[in-house]
Amino acid sequence: MGFNKGDIVVCIKLDDYGHLEIGKKYEIYDSIEMTDQHVIQIVDYNSGKSLGFYSMNNFTQIDEWRDEKIKKILEQ
């Protein structure tokens, strides 16, 4: 699964620097696929402030995140 410029993603894993928040929405500004990893440049969804490059492993597509939340609610 890859991310594209303009995709809305949700953080599912914190970074080492404390710049990300679990469950917060971000927008993909750029997506770079390399042979050994895939990195994305993100911006804050609300402010548009650039936050730098991160591994795509820190994020999931917003649709997938919503589906997981709905499944958890229905299982209760």
Protein backbone atom coordinates (compact mmCIF):
# COMPACT_ATOMS: atom_id res chain seq x y z
CA MET A 1 0.00 0.00 0.00
CA GLY A 2 1.38 3.38 -0.92
CA PHE A 3 0.44 6.93 -0.11
CA ASN A 4 0.01 9.72 -2.63
CA LYS A 5 0.25 13.48 -2.44
CA GLY A 6 -2.97 14.88 -0.96
CA ASP A 7 -3.94 11.69 0.90
CA ILE A 8 -5.26 12.17 4.42
CA VAL A 9 -3.61 9.83 6.91
CA VAL A 10 -3.86 9.21 10.66
CA CYS A 11 -0.90 8.66 12.95
CA ILE A 12 -0.83 5.17 14.46
CA LYS A 13 2.77 5.16 15.78
CA LEU A 14 4.74 7.91 17.51
CA ASP A 15 7.99 9.24 16.10
CA ASP A 16 11.22 9.49 18.12
CA TYR A 17 11.05 13.29 18.34
CA GLY A 18 7.55 13.88 19.71
CA HIS A 19 6.24 15.69 16.65
CA LEU A 20 3.38 13.28 15.93
CA GLU A 21 0.18 12.53 17.86
CA ILE A 22 -1.61 9.18 17.79
CA GLY A 23 -5.02 9.55 16.14
CA LYS A 24 -4.26 12.96 14.62
CA LYS A 25 -4.90 13.66 10.93
CA TYR A 26 -2.09 14.70 8.59
CA GLU A 27 -1.95 15.38 4.86
CA ILE A 28 0.67 13.90 2.55
CA TYR A 29 2.67 16.64 0.85
CA ASP A 30 5.09 14.30 -0.94
CA SER A 31 5.72 10.58 -1.17
CA ILE A 32 9.13 9.10 -1.95
CA GLU A 33 9.60 5.39 -2.63
CA MET A 34 13.14 4.10 -2.28
CA THR A 35 14.41 0.56 -2.69
CA ASP A 36 14.44 -0.20 1.03
CA GLN A 37 11.78 2.15 2.41
CA HIS A 38 8.92 4.52 1.63
CA VAL A 39 8.97 7.95 3.25
CA ILE A 40 6.33 10.64 3.20
CA GLN A 41 6.47 14.36 3.83
CA ILE A 42 3.51 15.42 5.93
CA VAL A 43 1.79 18.64 6.84
CA ASP A 44 -0.54 19.28 9.76
CA TYR A 45 -4.08 18.78 8.46
CA ASN A 46 -5.46 21.84 10.25
CA SER A 47 -2.63 24.37 10.03
CA GLY A 48 -0.85 23.26 6.85
CA LYS A 49 2.49 23.49 8.69
CA SER A 50 5.15 21.18 7.24
CA LEU A 51 6.35 18.61 9.77
CA GLY A 52 9.05 16.85 7.75
CA PHE A 53 9.61 13.35 6.45
CA TYR A 54 8.48 10.17 8.20
CA SER A 55 8.25 6.48 7.53
CA MET A 56 4.88 5.49 6.13
CA ASN A 57 4.79 2.87 8.91
CA ASN A 58 3.75 5.65 11.31
CA PHE A 59 0.47 6.19 9.44
CA THR A 60 -2.62 4.56 8.01
CA GLN A 61 -5.15 5.81 5.47
CA ILE A 62 -8.01 7.66 7.15
CA ASP A 63 -10.57 5.25 5.62
CA GLU A 64 -8.79 2.24 7.12
CA TRP A 65 -8.51 3.99 10.50
CA ARG A 66 -12.25 4.78 10.49
CA ASP A 67 -13.12 1.18 9.56
CA GLU A 68 -11.08 -0.10 12.52
CA LYS A 69 -12.80 2.32 14.90
CA ILE A 70 -16.25 1.26 13.66
CA LYS A 71 -15.36 -2.44 14.01
CA LYS A 72 -14.31 -1.89 17.63
CA ILE A 73 -17.57 -0.08 18.42
CA LEU A 74 -19.68 -2.84 16.84
CA GLU A 75 -17.78 -5.55 18.75
CA GLN A 76 -18.71 -4.01 22.11
